[in-house]
N, C-alpha and C. Protein backbone atom coordinates (compact mmCIF):
# COMPACT_ATOMS: atom_id res chain seq x y z
N MET A 1 -8.34 -11.95 -18.10
CA MET A 1 -7.50 -13.08 -17.89
C MET A 1 -6.23 -12.70 -17.13
N VAL A 2 -5.69 -11.52 -17.38
CA VAL A 2 -4.45 -11.11 -16.72
C VAL A 2 -4.65 -11.00 -15.20
N PRO A 3 -5.74 -10.38 -14.70
CA PRO A 3 -5.91 -10.35 -13.24
C PRO A 3 -6.02 -11.76 -12.64
N ALA A 4 -6.63 -12.70 -13.35
CA ALA A 4 -6.73 -14.07 -12.84
C ALA A 4 -5.36 -14.70 -12.72
N LEU A 5 -4.47 -14.39 -13.64
CA LEU A 5 -3.12 -14.96 -13.59
C LEU A 5 -2.22 -14.25 -12.58
N LEU A 6 -2.29 -12.92 -12.56
CA LEU A 6 -1.34 -12.15 -11.75
C LEU A 6 -1.93 -11.65 -10.43
N GLY A 7 -3.25 -11.59 -10.33
CA GLY A 7 -3.88 -11.03 -9.15
C GLY A 7 -4.01 -9.52 -9.26
N ASN A 8 -4.74 -8.96 -8.33
CA ASN A 8 -4.98 -7.52 -8.25
C ASN A 8 -5.73 -7.01 -9.48
N CYS A 9 -5.76 -5.71 -9.65
CA CYS A 9 -6.39 -5.08 -10.81
C CYS A 9 -5.27 -4.80 -11.82
N GLN A 10 -5.46 -5.27 -13.02
CA GLN A 10 -4.41 -5.16 -14.04
C GLN A 10 -4.94 -4.46 -15.29
N LEU A 11 -4.06 -3.73 -15.94
CA LEU A 11 -4.35 -3.14 -17.24
C LEU A 11 -3.43 -3.81 -18.24
N SER A 12 -4.02 -4.38 -19.29
CA SER A 12 -3.19 -5.00 -20.32
C SER A 12 -3.56 -4.40 -21.67
N VAL A 13 -2.55 -4.00 -22.40
CA VAL A 13 -2.73 -3.36 -23.69
C VAL A 13 -1.74 -4.00 -24.66
N GLY A 14 -2.24 -4.39 -25.81
CA GLY A 14 -1.31 -4.93 -26.79
C GLY A 14 -2.01 -5.64 -27.91
N GLU A 15 -1.19 -6.28 -28.72
CA GLU A 15 -1.67 -7.04 -29.85
C GLU A 15 -0.61 -8.08 -30.21
N ALA A 16 -1.05 -9.15 -30.77
CA ALA A 16 -0.17 -10.25 -31.20
C ALA A 16 0.80 -10.62 -30.09
N GLU A 17 2.07 -10.44 -30.33
CA GLU A 17 3.10 -10.88 -29.39
C GLU A 17 3.61 -9.76 -28.48
N HIS A 18 3.09 -8.55 -28.63
CA HIS A 18 3.62 -7.42 -27.86
C HIS A 18 2.54 -6.87 -26.92
N TRP A 19 2.72 -7.12 -25.64
CA TRP A 19 1.75 -6.67 -24.63
C TRP A 19 2.46 -5.88 -23.55
N GLN A 20 1.77 -4.89 -23.03
CA GLN A 20 2.22 -4.14 -21.87
C GLN A 20 1.20 -4.42 -20.77
N ILE A 21 1.67 -4.82 -19.61
CA ILE A 21 0.80 -5.14 -18.49
C ILE A 21 1.29 -4.36 -17.28
N THR A 22 0.35 -3.71 -16.60
CA THR A 22 0.70 -2.95 -15.41
C THR A 22 -0.42 -3.07 -14.38
N GLU A 23 -0.03 -3.12 -13.13
CA GLU A 23 -1.02 -3.18 -12.06
C GLU A 23 -1.63 -1.80 -11.84
N ILE A 24 -2.93 -1.78 -11.62
CA ILE A 24 -3.63 -0.55 -11.26
C ILE A 24 -3.83 -0.58 -9.75
N PRO A 25 -3.25 0.36 -9.04
CA PRO A 25 -3.45 0.38 -7.58
C PRO A 25 -4.93 0.49 -7.23
N TRP A 26 -5.36 -0.32 -6.27
CA TRP A 26 -6.77 -0.38 -5.86
C TRP A 26 -6.83 -0.11 -4.36
N HIS A 27 -7.47 0.98 -3.99
CA HIS A 27 -7.59 1.36 -2.58
C HIS A 27 -8.33 0.27 -1.81
N SER A 28 -7.85 -0.03 -0.62
CA SER A 28 -8.40 -1.15 0.15
C SER A 28 -9.84 -0.96 0.59
N ASP A 29 -10.36 0.27 0.58
CA ASP A 29 -11.74 0.47 1.01
C ASP A 29 -12.74 0.42 -0.14
N ILE A 30 -12.29 0.23 -1.36
CA ILE A 30 -13.22 0.14 -2.49
C ILE A 30 -13.63 -1.33 -2.65
N VAL A 31 -14.94 -1.54 -2.61
CA VAL A 31 -15.47 -2.90 -2.66
C VAL A 31 -16.30 -3.07 -3.93
N PRO A 32 -16.01 -4.10 -4.72
CA PRO A 32 -16.88 -4.40 -5.86
C PRO A 32 -18.05 -5.28 -5.41
N VAL A 33 -19.22 -4.93 -5.89
CA VAL A 33 -20.43 -5.72 -5.64
C VAL A 33 -20.98 -6.11 -7.00
N VAL A 34 -21.25 -7.40 -7.20
CA VAL A 34 -21.84 -7.85 -8.46
C VAL A 34 -23.25 -8.35 -8.22
N ALA A 35 -24.13 -8.00 -9.13
CA ALA A 35 -25.51 -8.47 -9.10
C ALA A 35 -25.74 -9.25 -10.39
N ILE A 36 -25.97 -10.55 -10.22
CA ILE A 36 -26.13 -11.45 -11.36
C ILE A 36 -27.59 -11.88 -11.41
N PRO A 37 -28.35 -11.38 -12.39
CA PRO A 37 -29.77 -11.72 -12.45
C PRO A 37 -29.98 -13.16 -12.91
N ASN A 38 -31.19 -13.66 -12.69
CA ASN A 38 -31.50 -15.04 -13.08
C ASN A 38 -32.02 -15.12 -14.51
N PHE A 39 -31.41 -14.34 -15.39
CA PHE A 39 -31.69 -14.45 -16.83
C PHE A 39 -30.39 -14.23 -17.57
N GLU A 40 -30.34 -14.68 -18.79
CA GLU A 40 -29.13 -14.55 -19.59
C GLU A 40 -29.32 -13.51 -20.68
N LEU A 41 -28.22 -12.98 -21.14
CA LEU A 41 -28.18 -12.06 -22.26
C LEU A 41 -27.01 -12.50 -23.13
N SER A 42 -27.31 -12.88 -24.35
CA SER A 42 -26.23 -13.38 -25.20
C SER A 42 -25.32 -12.23 -25.62
N THR A 43 -24.05 -12.54 -25.71
CA THR A 43 -23.08 -11.54 -26.16
C THR A 43 -23.44 -11.06 -27.57
N GLU A 44 -23.92 -11.97 -28.39
CA GLU A 44 -24.32 -11.61 -29.75
C GLU A 44 -25.43 -10.56 -29.74
N GLU A 45 -26.42 -10.75 -28.88
CA GLU A 45 -27.52 -9.80 -28.78
C GLU A 45 -27.02 -8.46 -28.23
N ALA A 46 -26.13 -8.52 -27.24
CA ALA A 46 -25.59 -7.29 -26.65
C ALA A 46 -24.74 -6.52 -27.66
N ARG A 47 -24.02 -7.24 -28.51
CA ARG A 47 -23.21 -6.57 -29.54
C ARG A 47 -24.09 -5.98 -30.64
N ALA A 48 -25.19 -6.64 -30.93
CA ALA A 48 -26.06 -6.21 -32.03
C ALA A 48 -26.69 -4.83 -31.79
N VAL A 49 -26.86 -4.43 -30.53
CA VAL A 49 -27.48 -3.13 -30.26
C VAL A 49 -26.50 -1.97 -30.33
N LEU A 50 -25.22 -2.29 -30.42
CA LEU A 50 -24.21 -1.22 -30.49
C LEU A 50 -24.16 -0.60 -31.88
N PRO A 51 -23.97 0.71 -31.95
CA PRO A 51 -23.86 1.34 -33.27
C PRO A 51 -22.56 0.93 -33.96
N THR A 52 -22.54 1.06 -35.27
CA THR A 52 -21.31 0.75 -36.01
C THR A 52 -20.34 1.93 -35.99
N ASN A 53 -20.86 3.12 -35.74
CA ASN A 53 -20.04 4.33 -35.64
C ASN A 53 -20.45 5.12 -34.41
N TYR A 54 -19.48 5.83 -33.84
CA TYR A 54 -19.74 6.64 -32.66
C TYR A 54 -19.37 8.09 -32.94
N GLU A 55 -20.01 8.96 -32.21
CA GLU A 55 -19.64 10.38 -32.27
C GLU A 55 -18.26 10.55 -31.62
N ARG A 56 -17.46 11.41 -32.18
CA ARG A 56 -16.15 11.69 -31.61
C ARG A 56 -16.29 12.15 -30.16
N SER A 57 -17.29 12.98 -29.89
CA SER A 57 -17.47 13.50 -28.52
C SER A 57 -17.75 12.37 -27.53
N ASP A 58 -18.44 11.31 -27.96
CA ASP A 58 -18.70 10.17 -27.06
C ASP A 58 -17.42 9.39 -26.78
N ALA A 59 -16.59 9.23 -27.81
CA ALA A 59 -15.30 8.55 -27.61
C ALA A 59 -14.41 9.36 -26.67
N ILE A 60 -14.39 10.68 -26.86
CA ILE A 60 -13.60 11.55 -25.99
C ILE A 60 -14.13 11.48 -24.56
N PHE A 61 -15.46 11.48 -24.42
CA PHE A 61 -16.10 11.36 -23.11
C PHE A 61 -15.57 10.13 -22.37
N ASN A 62 -15.58 8.99 -23.04
CA ASN A 62 -15.15 7.74 -22.39
C ASN A 62 -13.66 7.72 -22.08
N ILE A 63 -12.84 8.08 -23.05
CA ILE A 63 -11.39 7.98 -22.83
C ILE A 63 -10.93 9.00 -21.79
N SER A 64 -11.61 10.12 -21.69
CA SER A 64 -11.21 11.13 -20.70
C SER A 64 -11.43 10.62 -19.28
N ARG A 65 -12.29 9.66 -19.12
CA ARG A 65 -12.58 9.12 -17.80
C ARG A 65 -11.62 8.01 -17.36
N MET A 66 -10.84 7.49 -18.27
CA MET A 66 -9.95 6.38 -17.93
C MET A 66 -8.91 6.80 -16.89
N GLY A 67 -8.25 7.91 -17.11
CA GLY A 67 -7.28 8.39 -16.14
C GLY A 67 -7.91 8.68 -14.79
N LEU A 68 -9.10 9.27 -14.83
CA LEU A 68 -9.81 9.58 -13.59
C LEU A 68 -10.20 8.29 -12.85
N LEU A 69 -10.59 7.26 -13.59
CA LEU A 69 -10.91 5.98 -12.98
C LEU A 69 -9.67 5.40 -12.28
N ILE A 70 -8.55 5.42 -12.95
CA ILE A 70 -7.33 4.87 -12.37
C ILE A 70 -6.94 5.63 -11.10
N ARG A 71 -7.01 6.95 -11.14
CA ARG A 71 -6.68 7.75 -9.95
C ARG A 71 -7.74 7.55 -8.86
N GLY A 72 -9.00 7.43 -9.25
CA GLY A 72 -10.06 7.20 -8.26
C GLY A 72 -9.90 5.87 -7.56
N LEU A 73 -9.53 4.83 -8.30
CA LEU A 73 -9.30 3.52 -7.69
C LEU A 73 -8.12 3.55 -6.73
N ALA A 74 -7.10 4.32 -7.06
CA ALA A 74 -5.91 4.39 -6.20
C ALA A 74 -6.15 5.21 -4.94
N THR A 75 -6.95 6.27 -5.05
CA THR A 75 -7.10 7.22 -3.94
C THR A 75 -8.42 7.10 -3.19
N ASN A 76 -9.37 6.33 -3.72
CA ASN A 76 -10.71 6.22 -3.14
C ASN A 76 -11.43 7.56 -3.14
N ASN A 77 -11.22 8.35 -4.18
CA ASN A 77 -11.93 9.61 -4.31
C ASN A 77 -13.30 9.31 -4.90
N HIS A 78 -14.33 9.43 -4.08
CA HIS A 78 -15.69 9.04 -4.46
C HIS A 78 -16.21 9.84 -5.65
N ASP A 79 -15.95 11.13 -5.66
CA ASP A 79 -16.42 11.98 -6.76
C ASP A 79 -15.77 11.56 -8.08
N TRP A 80 -14.49 11.26 -8.04
CA TRP A 80 -13.79 10.84 -9.26
C TRP A 80 -14.35 9.51 -9.75
N LEU A 81 -14.58 8.58 -8.83
CA LEU A 81 -15.12 7.28 -9.23
C LEU A 81 -16.51 7.43 -9.83
N ALA A 82 -17.34 8.24 -9.22
CA ALA A 82 -18.70 8.44 -9.74
C ALA A 82 -18.66 8.99 -11.16
N MET A 83 -17.80 9.97 -11.40
CA MET A 83 -17.70 10.54 -12.74
C MET A 83 -17.07 9.56 -13.72
N ALA A 84 -16.06 8.84 -13.27
CA ALA A 84 -15.32 7.94 -14.16
C ALA A 84 -16.14 6.73 -14.60
N LEU A 85 -17.14 6.34 -13.83
CA LEU A 85 -17.94 5.17 -14.18
C LEU A 85 -19.03 5.48 -15.20
N ALA A 86 -19.16 6.73 -15.60
CA ALA A 86 -20.12 7.10 -16.65
C ALA A 86 -19.63 6.58 -17.99
N ASP A 87 -20.55 6.27 -18.88
CA ASP A 87 -20.20 5.67 -20.17
C ASP A 87 -21.17 6.13 -21.25
N LYS A 88 -20.64 6.31 -22.45
CA LYS A 88 -21.49 6.64 -23.60
C LYS A 88 -21.31 5.68 -24.76
N LEU A 89 -20.46 4.67 -24.62
CA LEU A 89 -20.17 3.80 -25.76
C LEU A 89 -20.93 2.47 -25.75
N HIS A 90 -21.27 1.94 -24.58
CA HIS A 90 -22.03 0.70 -24.62
C HIS A 90 -23.21 0.64 -23.66
N GLN A 91 -23.12 1.26 -22.50
CA GLN A 91 -24.21 1.15 -21.54
C GLN A 91 -25.52 1.79 -22.00
N PRO A 92 -25.50 2.95 -22.65
CA PRO A 92 -26.78 3.51 -23.10
C PRO A 92 -27.54 2.59 -24.05
N TYR A 93 -26.84 1.78 -24.78
CA TYR A 93 -27.46 0.87 -25.75
C TYR A 93 -27.85 -0.45 -25.10
N ARG A 94 -26.97 -0.99 -24.27
CA ARG A 94 -27.20 -2.30 -23.68
C ARG A 94 -28.15 -2.28 -22.49
N GLN A 95 -28.28 -1.14 -21.82
CA GLN A 95 -29.15 -1.10 -20.64
C GLN A 95 -30.59 -1.43 -20.99
N LYS A 96 -30.99 -1.17 -22.23
CA LYS A 96 -32.36 -1.48 -22.65
C LYS A 96 -32.63 -2.98 -22.68
N LEU A 97 -31.57 -3.77 -22.76
CA LEU A 97 -31.71 -5.23 -22.80
C LEU A 97 -31.77 -5.84 -21.41
N ILE A 98 -31.53 -5.04 -20.39
CA ILE A 98 -31.47 -5.55 -19.02
C ILE A 98 -32.66 -5.01 -18.24
N ARG A 99 -33.66 -5.85 -18.09
CA ARG A 99 -34.88 -5.45 -17.37
C ARG A 99 -34.52 -5.04 -15.94
N GLY A 100 -35.00 -3.89 -15.53
CA GLY A 100 -34.75 -3.39 -14.19
C GLY A 100 -33.46 -2.62 -14.02
N TYR A 101 -32.72 -2.43 -15.10
CA TYR A 101 -31.40 -1.78 -15.03
C TYR A 101 -31.47 -0.44 -14.28
N THR A 102 -32.37 0.44 -14.69
CA THR A 102 -32.43 1.78 -14.10
C THR A 102 -32.73 1.71 -12.62
N ALA A 103 -33.68 0.89 -12.23
CA ALA A 103 -34.04 0.77 -10.82
C ALA A 103 -32.87 0.24 -10.00
N VAL A 104 -32.18 -0.77 -10.51
CA VAL A 104 -31.05 -1.34 -9.79
C VAL A 104 -29.95 -0.30 -9.64
N LYS A 105 -29.64 0.39 -10.71
CA LYS A 105 -28.58 1.41 -10.65
C LYS A 105 -28.94 2.53 -9.68
N GLU A 106 -30.14 3.04 -9.78
CA GLU A 106 -30.55 4.16 -8.92
C GLU A 106 -30.58 3.78 -7.45
N THR A 107 -31.09 2.59 -7.13
CA THR A 107 -31.15 2.19 -5.72
C THR A 107 -29.75 1.89 -5.17
N ALA A 108 -28.88 1.36 -6.00
CA ALA A 108 -27.50 1.10 -5.55
C ALA A 108 -26.80 2.41 -5.21
N ILE A 109 -26.97 3.40 -6.06
CA ILE A 109 -26.34 4.70 -5.82
C ILE A 109 -26.95 5.36 -4.59
N ALA A 110 -28.26 5.26 -4.43
CA ALA A 110 -28.91 5.81 -3.24
C ALA A 110 -28.43 5.12 -1.97
N ALA A 111 -28.03 3.85 -2.07
CA ALA A 111 -27.53 3.09 -0.92
C ALA A 111 -26.04 3.32 -0.65
N GLY A 112 -25.37 4.08 -1.52
CA GLY A 112 -23.98 4.41 -1.26
C GLY A 112 -22.99 3.99 -2.33
N ALA A 113 -23.45 3.36 -3.40
CA ALA A 113 -22.53 2.99 -4.48
C ALA A 113 -22.03 4.25 -5.17
N TYR A 114 -20.77 4.24 -5.58
CA TYR A 114 -20.21 5.37 -6.31
C TYR A 114 -20.74 5.38 -7.73
N GLY A 115 -21.01 4.21 -8.26
CA GLY A 115 -21.54 4.07 -9.60
C GLY A 115 -21.83 2.61 -9.88
N VAL A 116 -22.54 2.38 -10.97
CA VAL A 116 -22.91 1.03 -11.41
C VAL A 116 -22.63 0.95 -12.90
N VAL A 117 -22.01 -0.16 -13.31
CA VAL A 117 -21.73 -0.38 -14.72
C VAL A 117 -22.20 -1.77 -15.12
N ILE A 118 -22.39 -1.95 -16.40
CA ILE A 118 -22.70 -3.27 -16.93
C ILE A 118 -21.37 -4.02 -17.02
N SER A 119 -21.34 -5.19 -16.46
CA SER A 119 -20.12 -6.00 -16.49
C SER A 119 -20.07 -6.75 -17.81
N GLY A 120 -19.03 -6.47 -18.60
CA GLY A 120 -18.91 -7.10 -19.91
C GLY A 120 -20.10 -6.76 -20.77
N ALA A 121 -20.68 -7.78 -21.41
CA ALA A 121 -21.85 -7.58 -22.26
C ALA A 121 -23.13 -7.58 -21.45
N GLY A 122 -23.06 -7.93 -20.16
CA GLY A 122 -24.24 -7.99 -19.32
C GLY A 122 -24.80 -9.40 -19.27
N PRO A 123 -25.80 -9.64 -18.51
CA PRO A 123 -26.62 -8.71 -17.75
C PRO A 123 -26.12 -8.42 -16.34
N THR A 124 -24.97 -8.99 -15.95
CA THR A 124 -24.44 -8.73 -14.62
C THR A 124 -24.11 -7.24 -14.48
N LEU A 125 -24.46 -6.69 -13.31
CA LEU A 125 -24.14 -5.30 -13.01
C LEU A 125 -23.10 -5.26 -11.90
N LEU A 126 -22.17 -4.32 -12.01
CA LEU A 126 -21.09 -4.16 -11.05
C LEU A 126 -21.20 -2.78 -10.42
N ALA A 127 -21.21 -2.76 -9.10
CA ALA A 127 -21.21 -1.50 -8.35
C ALA A 127 -19.90 -1.39 -7.59
N LEU A 128 -19.40 -0.19 -7.45
CA LEU A 128 -18.25 0.07 -6.59
C LEU A 128 -18.75 0.91 -5.42
N CYS A 129 -18.32 0.53 -4.21
CA CYS A 129 -18.76 1.24 -3.02
C CYS A 129 -17.70 1.09 -1.93
N SER A 130 -17.96 1.68 -0.79
CA SER A 130 -17.05 1.52 0.35
C SER A 130 -17.43 0.26 1.11
N SER A 131 -16.51 -0.22 1.92
CA SER A 131 -16.80 -1.39 2.74
C SER A 131 -17.95 -1.08 3.71
N TYR A 132 -18.06 0.18 4.11
CA TYR A 132 -19.12 0.60 5.03
C TYR A 132 -20.51 0.44 4.40
N SER A 133 -20.64 0.75 3.12
CA SER A 133 -21.96 0.71 2.49
C SER A 133 -22.23 -0.57 1.68
N ALA A 134 -21.30 -1.50 1.67
CA ALA A 134 -21.43 -2.70 0.82
C ALA A 134 -22.71 -3.48 1.11
N LYS A 135 -23.03 -3.72 2.36
CA LYS A 135 -24.23 -4.51 2.70
C LYS A 135 -25.50 -3.79 2.24
N LYS A 136 -25.52 -2.46 2.40
CA LYS A 136 -26.68 -1.68 1.96
C LYS A 136 -26.83 -1.76 0.44
N VAL A 137 -25.71 -1.72 -0.27
CA VAL A 137 -25.74 -1.79 -1.73
C VAL A 137 -26.23 -3.16 -2.19
N VAL A 138 -25.77 -4.22 -1.53
CA VAL A 138 -26.23 -5.58 -1.85
C VAL A 138 -27.74 -5.67 -1.69
N THR A 139 -28.24 -5.20 -0.56
CA THR A 139 -29.67 -5.26 -0.28
C THR A 139 -30.47 -4.44 -1.29
N ALA A 140 -29.97 -3.26 -1.61
CA ALA A 140 -30.66 -2.37 -2.56
C ALA A 140 -30.74 -3.00 -3.95
N MET A 141 -29.62 -3.54 -4.43
CA MET A 141 -29.60 -4.12 -5.77
C MET A 141 -30.51 -5.34 -5.84
N ALA A 142 -30.43 -6.19 -4.83
CA ALA A 142 -31.29 -7.38 -4.80
C ALA A 142 -32.76 -6.99 -4.75
N GLY A 143 -33.09 -6.05 -3.89
CA GLY A 143 -34.47 -5.62 -3.74
C GLY A 143 -35.05 -4.99 -5.00
N ALA A 144 -34.23 -4.17 -5.67
CA ALA A 144 -34.72 -3.52 -6.89
C ALA A 144 -35.06 -4.55 -7.95
N TRP A 145 -34.20 -5.55 -8.09
CA TRP A 145 -34.49 -6.58 -9.09
C TRP A 145 -35.65 -7.47 -8.65
N GLN A 146 -35.72 -7.77 -7.38
CA GLN A 146 -36.84 -8.59 -6.90
C GLN A 146 -38.17 -7.90 -7.15
N ASN A 147 -38.19 -6.57 -7.06
CA ASN A 147 -39.41 -5.81 -7.37
C ASN A 147 -39.83 -5.95 -8.83
N GLU A 148 -38.89 -6.34 -9.68
CA GLU A 148 -39.14 -6.56 -11.10
C GLU A 148 -39.45 -8.04 -11.39
N GLY A 149 -39.49 -8.87 -10.33
CA GLY A 149 -39.72 -10.30 -10.52
C GLY A 149 -38.47 -11.06 -10.94
N ILE A 150 -37.32 -10.45 -10.71
CA ILE A 150 -36.03 -11.05 -11.06
C ILE A 150 -35.32 -11.38 -9.76
N PHE A 151 -34.75 -12.56 -9.69
CA PHE A 151 -34.11 -12.99 -8.45
C PHE A 151 -32.61 -13.17 -8.68
N PRO A 152 -31.85 -12.14 -8.31
CA PRO A 152 -30.41 -12.14 -8.58
C PRO A 152 -29.60 -12.79 -7.47
N SER A 153 -28.38 -13.11 -7.81
CA SER A 153 -27.36 -13.45 -6.83
C SER A 153 -26.50 -12.19 -6.71
N VAL A 154 -26.47 -11.61 -5.53
CA VAL A 154 -25.71 -10.38 -5.32
C VAL A 154 -24.60 -10.67 -4.31
N LYS A 155 -23.38 -10.36 -4.70
CA LYS A 155 -22.22 -10.73 -3.88
C LYS A 155 -21.24 -9.58 -3.73
N VAL A 156 -20.67 -9.49 -2.54
CA VAL A 156 -19.54 -8.60 -2.30
C VAL A 156 -18.29 -9.39 -2.68
N LEU A 157 -17.47 -8.81 -3.52
CA LEU A 157 -16.25 -9.48 -3.96
C LEU A 157 -15.02 -8.85 -3.32
N ALA A 158 -13.93 -9.56 -3.40
CA ALA A 158 -12.64 -9.03 -2.96
C ALA A 158 -11.63 -9.31 -4.06
N LEU A 159 -10.67 -8.41 -4.21
CA LEU A 159 -9.62 -8.64 -5.19
C LEU A 159 -8.72 -9.78 -4.72
N ASP A 160 -8.37 -10.63 -5.64
CA ASP A 160 -7.41 -11.70 -5.36
C ASP A 160 -6.03 -11.09 -5.53
N ASN A 161 -5.26 -11.02 -4.46
CA ASN A 161 -3.95 -10.38 -4.52
C ASN A 161 -2.85 -11.28 -5.06
N GLN A 162 -3.11 -12.59 -5.14
CA GLN A 162 -2.06 -13.52 -5.57
C GLN A 162 -2.19 -13.95 -7.01
N GLY A 163 -3.38 -14.11 -7.52
CA GLY A 163 -3.54 -14.65 -8.86
C GLY A 163 -3.43 -16.16 -8.85
N ALA A 164 -3.19 -16.73 -10.02
CA ALA A 164 -3.15 -18.19 -10.18
C ALA A 164 -2.01 -18.80 -9.37
N ARG A 165 -2.26 -19.96 -8.81
CA ARG A 165 -1.27 -20.67 -8.02
C ARG A 165 -1.26 -22.13 -8.45
N VAL A 166 -0.11 -22.73 -8.35
CA VAL A 166 0.03 -24.16 -8.67
C VAL A 166 0.01 -24.91 -7.34
N GLN A 167 -0.87 -25.90 -7.25
CA GLN A 167 -0.93 -26.70 -6.04
C GLN A 167 -0.37 -28.09 -6.34
N ARG A 168 0.51 -28.53 -5.50
CA ARG A 168 1.09 -29.87 -5.66
C ARG A 168 0.52 -30.78 -4.60
N LYS A 169 0.24 -32.00 -5.00
CA LYS A 169 -0.30 -32.97 -4.04
C LYS A 169 0.77 -33.86 -3.53
């Protein structure tokens, strides 16, 4: 919600009445690509597959990548982004609910994506890539799902730099 209001990529941390919000610098050559399949996955079902407890090493794995993700987004360091997009807390469990997940992820990376993640609870998948490889990534993700009999909407997105605006008539 914060990026929709303020624009750009935002990090918001807080509880109740006390929030800290800061913009995360996003390199202009990093392009988000979303692949939205023509099936739904309920948030309830996606939450149900998650364990109630996690290994400490898995939590450390994920949190250690947060700083690398922030620096990768700011600098467009492809290796950092690829490593930072790895996850052990929700994707290994939820990917089983998304038919064609592995094929879509592998073909997107082969086409130039730095990595692919499940957006929210899924089934939408998000790839990060360069503007140069964006069209190839779109084609790869769409084709991989079409091979599974799934017909996605795959789009190249751009960050909204302004956020919410009031229009007067």
